[in-house]
Amino acid sequence: MSLAQTSAVAKPDLATLKARQHSAWSSGDYALIGATLQIVGEELCEALDLRAGQHVLDVAAGNGNVSLAAARRWCHVTSSDYVPSLLARGKARAAANGLSITFQEADAEALPFADASFDVVASRKRRNSIRSSAKSSERSADRASVSRKAARRAGGYSRECRCEAAPSVTNAA
């Protein structure tokens, strides 16, 4: 093939990829593994400098590591994930710890919350998201829209499990 020739790059079928991903996350006992990573949730909440009374959305919460850590800091927490079995484990963990957390099944790419509903939007699993520049922009915009004006978004962890806190983000509304 010469440089002048171009080949069509196949675009991934994101719906199929997402269905397979959902099936994989639903098939195993990832909550058991996730519980060993509670320190990551604690470190992320420390990096965010959460304050009592703040409204926090944990996106792709899994079994609730960030949610539990935020609730321990007396925040009003909504824990969202698209895998009901993981949310159920998070709910059981919250009950065992005497923590009040709202659990809601929700897709990170189509959050069902009103704009400016939360002071902080966090996600420990940001780096595990489906990679697509168009979808990434939409997802970031969706997360930003549910954050209050001048609120913060944060998320992710590196291989060393260190948390990253994003700088303040102003909602464009």
C-alpha atoms as a PDB file:
ATOM      1  CA  MET A   1       0.000   0.000   0.000  1.00  0.00           C
ATOM      2  CA  SER A   2       1.384   3.396  -0.932  1.00  0.00           C
ATOM      3  CA  LEU A   3       1.126   6.519   1.181  1.00  0.00           C
ATOM      4  CA  ALA A   4      -1.342   7.937  -1.321  1.00  0.00           C
ATOM      5  CA  GLN A   5      -3.785   5.134  -0.624  1.00  0.00           C
ATOM      6  CA  THR A   6      -6.010   5.407   2.395  1.00  0.00           C
ATOM      7  CA  SER A   7      -7.846   2.678   4.128  1.00  0.00           C
ATOM      8  CA  ALA A   8     -11.115   3.130   5.904  1.00  0.00           C
ATOM      9  CA  VAL A   9     -10.729   2.852   9.639  1.00  0.00           C
ATOM     10  CA  ALA A  10     -13.560   0.859  11.144  1.00  0.00           C
ATOM     11  CA  LYS A  11     -15.343   2.714  13.906  1.00  0.00           C
ATOM     12  CA  PRO A  12     -16.047   0.600  16.954  1.00  0.00           C
ATOM     13  CA  ASP A  13     -19.640  -0.323  17.659  1.00  0.00           C
ATOM     14  CA  LEU A  14     -19.879   1.353  21.053  1.00  0.00           C
ATOM     15  CA  ALA A  15     -23.301  -0.098  21.839  1.00  0.00           C
ATOM     16  CA  THR A  16     -21.993  -3.643  21.399  1.00  0.00           C
ATOM     17  CA  LEU A  17     -18.826  -2.824  23.326  1.00  0.00           C
ATOM     18  CA  LYS A  18     -20.854  -1.317  26.152  1.00  0.00           C
ATOM     19  CA  ALA A  19     -23.181  -4.367  26.281  1.00  0.00           C
ATOM     20  CA  ARG A  20     -20.170  -6.683  26.526  1.00  0.00           C
ATOM     21  CA  GLN A  21     -18.596  -4.496  29.200  1.00  0.00           C
ATOM     22  CA  HIS A  22     -21.849  -4.492  31.190  1.00  0.00           C
ATOM     23  CA  SER A  23     -22.056  -8.273  30.899  1.00  0.00           C
ATOM     24  CA  ALA A  24     -18.480  -8.667  32.130  1.00  0.00           C
ATOM     25  CA  TRP A  25     -18.992  -6.350  35.131  1.00  0.00           C
ATOM     26  CA  SER A  26     -22.217  -8.191  35.976  1.00  0.00           C
ATOM     27  CA  SER A  27     -20.739 -11.687  35.758  1.00  0.00           C
ATOM     28  CA  GLY A  28     -18.078 -11.698  38.470  1.00  0.00           C
ATOM     29  CA  ASP A  29     -17.794 -10.823  42.133  1.00  0.00           C
ATOM     30  CA  TYR A  30     -15.971  -7.569  41.481  1.00  0.00           C
ATOM     31  CA  ALA A  31     -17.336  -6.120  44.723  1.00  0.00           C
ATOM     32  CA  LEU A  32     -15.092  -8.499  46.652  1.00  0.00           C
ATOM     33  CA  ILE A  33     -12.043  -7.257  44.754  1.00  0.00           C
ATOM     34  CA  GLY A  34     -13.237  -3.648  44.917  1.00  0.00           C
ATOM     35  CA  ALA A  35     -13.504  -3.707  48.701  1.00  0.00           C
ATOM     36  CA  THR A  36      -9.735  -4.209  48.882  1.00  0.00           C
ATOM     37  CA  LEU A  37      -9.345  -0.831  47.152  1.00  0.00           C
ATOM     38  CA  GLN A  38     -11.224   1.211  49.789  1.00  0.00           C
ATOM     39  CA  ILE A  39      -8.074   3.251  50.430  1.00  0.00           C
ATOM     40  CA  VAL A  40      -8.346   4.643  46.875  1.00  0.00           C
ATOM     41  CA  GLY A  41     -11.781   6.071  47.691  1.00  0.00           C
ATOM     42  CA  GLU A  42     -10.462   7.564  50.916  1.00  0.00           C
ATOM     43  CA  GLU A  43      -7.493   9.151  49.120  1.00  0.00           C
ATOM     44  CA  LEU A  44      -9.715  10.601  46.395  1.00  0.00           C
ATOM     45  CA  CYS A  45     -12.029  12.161  48.975  1.00  0.00           C
ATOM     46  CA  GLU A  46      -9.014  13.591  50.805  1.00  0.00           C
ATOM     47  CA  ALA A  47      -7.695  15.064  47.548  1.00  0.00           C
ATOM     48  CA  LEU A  48     -11.110  16.643  46.925  1.00  0.00           C
ATOM     49  CA  ASP A  49     -11.131  18.155  50.430  1.00  0.00           C
ATOM     50  CA  LEU A  50     -14.792  17.254  50.856  1.00  0.00           C
ATOM     51  CA  ARG A  51     -16.776  19.175  53.460  1.00  0.00           C
ATOM     52  CA  ALA A  52     -19.801  18.138  55.513  1.00  0.00           C
ATOM     53  CA  GLY A  53     -23.051  18.916  53.762  1.00  0.00           C
ATOM     54  CA  GLN A  54     -21.694  18.881  50.204  1.00  0.00           C
ATOM     55  CA  HIS A  55     -23.701  16.990  47.596  1.00  0.00           C
ATOM     56  CA  VAL A  56     -21.475  14.365  45.958  1.00  0.00           C
ATOM     57  CA  LEU A  57     -22.173  12.171  42.934  1.00  0.00           C
ATOM     58  CA  ASP A  58     -20.039   9.031  42.608  1.00  0.00           C
ATOM     59  CA  VAL A  59     -20.162   8.022  38.920  1.00  0.00           C
ATOM     60  CA  ALA A  60     -19.465   4.369  38.049  1.00  0.00           C
ATOM     61  CA  ALA A  61     -19.398   3.740  41.782  1.00  0.00           C
ATOM     62  CA  GLY A  62     -19.193  -0.030  41.682  1.00  0.00           C
ATOM     63  CA  ASN A  63     -19.500  -1.260  45.257  1.00  0.00           C
ATOM     64  CA  GLY A  64     -19.124   2.255  46.625  1.00  0.00           C
ATOM     65  CA  ASN A  65     -15.569   2.937  47.756  1.00  0.00           C
ATOM     66  CA  VAL A  66     -15.766   6.673  47.003  1.00  0.00           C
ATOM     67  CA  SER A  67     -19.398   6.836  48.126  1.00  0.00           C
ATOM     68  CA  LEU A  68     -18.590   5.323  51.529  1.00  0.00           C
ATOM     69  CA  ALA A  69     -15.587   7.600  52.012  1.00  0.00           C
ATOM     70  CA  ALA A  70     -17.645  10.703  51.127  1.00  0.00           C
ATOM     71  CA  ALA A  71     -20.494   9.659  53.435  1.00  0.00           C
ATOM     72  CA  ARG A  72     -17.989   9.236  56.296  1.00  0.00           C
ATOM     73  CA  ARG A  73     -17.216  12.916  55.744  1.00  0.00           C
ATOM     74  CA  TRP A  74     -20.924  13.759  56.305  1.00  0.00           C
ATOM     75  CA  CYS A  75     -21.603  14.514  52.637  1.00  0.00           C
ATOM     76  CA  HIS A  76     -24.949  13.877  50.936  1.00  0.00           C
ATOM     77  CA  VAL A  77     -23.939  11.104  48.547  1.00  0.00           C
ATOM     78  CA  THR A  78     -25.545   9.613  45.456  1.00  0.00           C
ATOM     79  CA  SER A  79     -23.838   6.433  44.290  1.00  0.00           C
ATOM     80  CA  SER A  80     -24.503   5.574  40.631  1.00  0.00           C
ATOM     81  CA  ASP A  81     -23.518   2.627  38.458  1.00  0.00           C
ATOM     82  CA  TYR A  82     -25.088   0.694  35.610  1.00  0.00           C
ATOM     83  CA  VAL A  83     -24.558  -2.694  37.272  1.00  0.00           C
ATOM     84  CA  PRO A  84     -27.338  -3.338  39.820  1.00  0.00           C
ATOM     85  CA  SER A  85     -25.466  -6.138  41.626  1.00  0.00           C
ATOM     86  CA  LEU A  86     -22.554  -3.809  42.401  1.00  0.00           C
ATOM     87  CA  LEU A  87     -24.935  -1.144  43.705  1.00  0.00           C
ATOM     88  CA  ALA A  88     -26.570  -3.770  45.918  1.00  0.00           C
ATOM     89  CA  ARG A  89     -23.176  -4.602  47.435  1.00  0.00           C
ATOM     90  CA  GLY A  90     -22.496  -0.910  48.004  1.00  0.00           C
ATOM     91  CA  LYS A  91     -25.892  -0.544  49.686  1.00  0.00           C
ATOM     92  CA  ALA A  92     -25.101  -3.477  51.990  1.00  0.00           C
ATOM     93  CA  ARG A  93     -21.717  -1.976  52.859  1.00  0.00           C
ATOM     94  CA  ALA A  94     -23.323   1.398  53.618  1.00  0.00           C
ATOM     95  CA  ALA A  95     -25.924  -0.254  55.864  1.00  0.00           C
ATOM     96  CA  ALA A  96     -23.220  -2.229  57.697  1.00  0.00           C
ATOM     97  CA  ASN A  97     -21.359   1.034  58.327  1.00  0.00           C
ATOM     98  CA  GLY A  98     -24.495   2.960  59.333  1.00  0.00           C
ATOM     99  CA  LEU A  99     -24.085   5.394  56.428  1.00  0.00           C
ATOM    100  CA  SER A 100     -26.885   7.132  54.539  1.00  0.00           C
ATOM    101  CA  ILE A 101     -26.261   6.979  50.775  1.00  0.00           C
ATOM    102  CA  THR A 102     -28.693   7.165  47.856  1.00  0.00           C
ATOM    103  CA  PHE A 103     -28.069   4.394  45.301  1.00  0.00           C
ATOM    104  CA  GLN A 104     -29.263   4.828  41.734  1.00  0.00           C
ATOM    105  CA  GLU A 105     -28.754   2.738  38.632  1.00  0.00           C
ATOM    106  CA  ALA A 106     -27.389   5.119  35.993  1.00  0.00           C
ATOM    107  CA  ASP A 107     -25.216   5.046  32.900  1.00  0.00           C
ATOM    108  CA  ALA A 108     -22.187   7.345  33.162  1.00  0.00           C
ATOM    109  CA  GLU A 109     -22.785   8.414  29.560  1.00  0.00           C
ATOM    110  CA  ALA A 110     -26.384   9.492  30.209  1.00  0.00           C
ATOM    111  CA  LEU A 111     -26.655  10.693  33.790  1.00  0.00           C
ATOM    112  CA  PRO A 112     -30.311  11.146  34.834  1.00  0.00           C
ATOM    113  CA  PHE A 113     -29.688  14.079  37.153  1.00  0.00           C
ATOM    114  CA  ALA A 114     -30.708  17.712  36.750  1.00  0.00           C
ATOM    115  CA  ASP A 115     -28.055  20.272  35.924  1.00  0.00           C
ATOM    116  CA  ALA A 116     -26.297  21.749  38.950  1.00  0.00           C
ATOM    117  CA  SER A 117     -27.452  18.922  41.254  1.00  0.00           C
ATOM    118  CA  PHE A 118     -24.095  18.220  42.893  1.00  0.00           C
ATOM    119  CA  ASP A 119     -21.205  20.152  44.409  1.00  0.00           C
ATOM    120  CA  VAL A 120     -18.712  17.439  43.496  1.00  0.00           C
ATOM    121  CA  VAL A 121     -18.766  14.721  40.841  1.00  0.00           C
ATOM    122  CA  ALA A 122     -16.199  11.978  41.365  1.00  0.00           C
ATOM    123  CA  SER A 123     -15.324   8.686  39.729  1.00  0.00           C
ATOM    124  CA  ARG A 124     -12.675   6.239  40.812  1.00  0.00           C
ATOM    125  CA  LYS A 125     -13.084   4.345  37.542  1.00  0.00           C
ATOM    126  CA  ARG A 126     -12.565   7.187  35.101  1.00  0.00           C
ATOM    127  CA  ARG A 127      -9.586   5.520  33.435  1.00  0.00           C
ATOM    128  CA  ASN A 128     -11.522   2.316  32.845  1.00  0.00           C
ATOM    129  CA  SER A 129     -14.111   4.090  30.691  1.00  0.00           C
ATOM    130  CA  ILE A 130     -14.694   3.287  27.045  1.00  0.00           C
ATOM    131  CA  ARG A 131     -12.217   5.297  25.001  1.00  0.00           C
ATOM    132  CA  SER A 132     -13.790   7.398  22.262  1.00  0.00           C
ATOM    133  CA  SER A 133     -12.990  11.046  21.747  1.00  0.00           C
ATOM    134  CA  ALA A 134     -16.559  11.964  20.823  1.00  0.00           C
ATOM    135  CA  LYS A 135     -18.067   9.984  23.690  1.00  0.00           C
ATOM    136  CA  SER A 136     -15.373  11.233  26.075  1.00  0.00           C
ATOM    137  CA  SER A 137     -16.329  14.834  25.369  1.00  0.00           C
ATOM    138  CA  GLU A 138     -20.021  14.071  25.787  1.00  0.00           C
ATOM    139  CA  ARG A 139     -19.368  12.191  29.032  1.00  0.00           C
ATOM    140  CA  SER A 140     -17.276  15.036  30.439  1.00  0.00           C
ATOM    141  CA  ALA A 141     -19.912  17.575  29.445  1.00  0.00           C
ATOM    142  CA  ASP A 142     -22.605  15.426  31.061  1.00  0.00           C
ATOM    143  CA  ARG A 143     -20.630  15.178  34.300  1.00  0.00           C
ATOM    144  CA  ALA A 144     -19.907  18.902  34.265  1.00  0.00           C
ATOM    145  CA  SER A 145     -23.560  19.750  33.696  1.00  0.00           C
ATOM    146  CA  VAL A 146     -24.686  17.963  36.867  1.00  0.00           C
ATOM    147  CA  SER A 147     -22.026  19.832  38.875  1.00  0.00           C
ATOM    148  CA  ARG A 148     -22.980  23.167  40.391  1.00  0.00           C
ATOM    149  CA  LYS A 149     -21.375  26.310  39.045  1.00  0.00           C
ATOM    150  CA  ALA A 150     -17.763  26.536  40.216  1.00  0.00           C
ATOM    151  CA  ALA A 151     -18.018  22.994  41.538  1.00  0.00           C
ATOM    152  CA  ARG A 152     -15.339  20.346  41.210  1.00  0.00           C
ATOM    153  CA  ARG A 153     -15.012  17.180  39.171  1.00  0.00           C
ATOM    154  CA  ALA A 154     -12.411  14.582  39.912  1.00  0.00           C
ATOM    155  CA  GLY A 155     -11.552  11.014  39.368  1.00  0.00           C
ATOM    156  CA  GLY A 156      -9.242   8.284  38.397  1.00  0.00           C
ATOM    157  CA  TYR A 157      -6.324   6.459  39.731  1.00  0.00           C
ATOM    158  CA  SER A 158      -2.947   5.573  38.330  1.00  0.00           C
ATOM    159  CA  ARG A 159      -1.211   2.220  38.382  1.00  0.00           C
ATOM    160  CA  GLU A 160       0.179   3.235  41.741  1.00  0.00           C
ATOM    161  CA  CYS A 161      -3.415   3.882  42.937  1.00  0.00           C
ATOM    162  CA  ARG A 162      -2.710   7.540  43.565  1.00  0.00           C
ATOM    163  CA  CYS A 163      -5.724   9.759  43.108  1.00  0.00           C
ATOM    164  CA  GLU A 164      -5.958  12.788  40.893  1.00  0.00           C
ATOM    165  CA  ALA A 165      -8.090  15.776  41.722  1.00  0.00           C
ATOM    166  CA  ALA A 166      -9.208  17.903  38.807  1.00  0.00           C
ATOM    167  CA  PRO A 167      -9.047  21.670  39.200  1.00  0.00           C
ATOM    168  CA  SER A 168     -12.256  23.582  39.739  1.00  0.00           C
ATOM    169  CA  VAL A 169     -14.555  23.517  36.759  1.00  0.00           C
ATOM    170  CA  THR A 170     -17.114  26.182  36.029  1.00  0.00           C
ATOM    171  CA  ASN A 171     -20.345  24.976  34.483  1.00  0.00           C
ATOM    172  CA  ALA A 172     -20.843  26.716  31.151  1.00  0.00           C
ATOM    173  CA  ALA A 173     -24.535  27.326  31.844  1.00  0.00           C
END
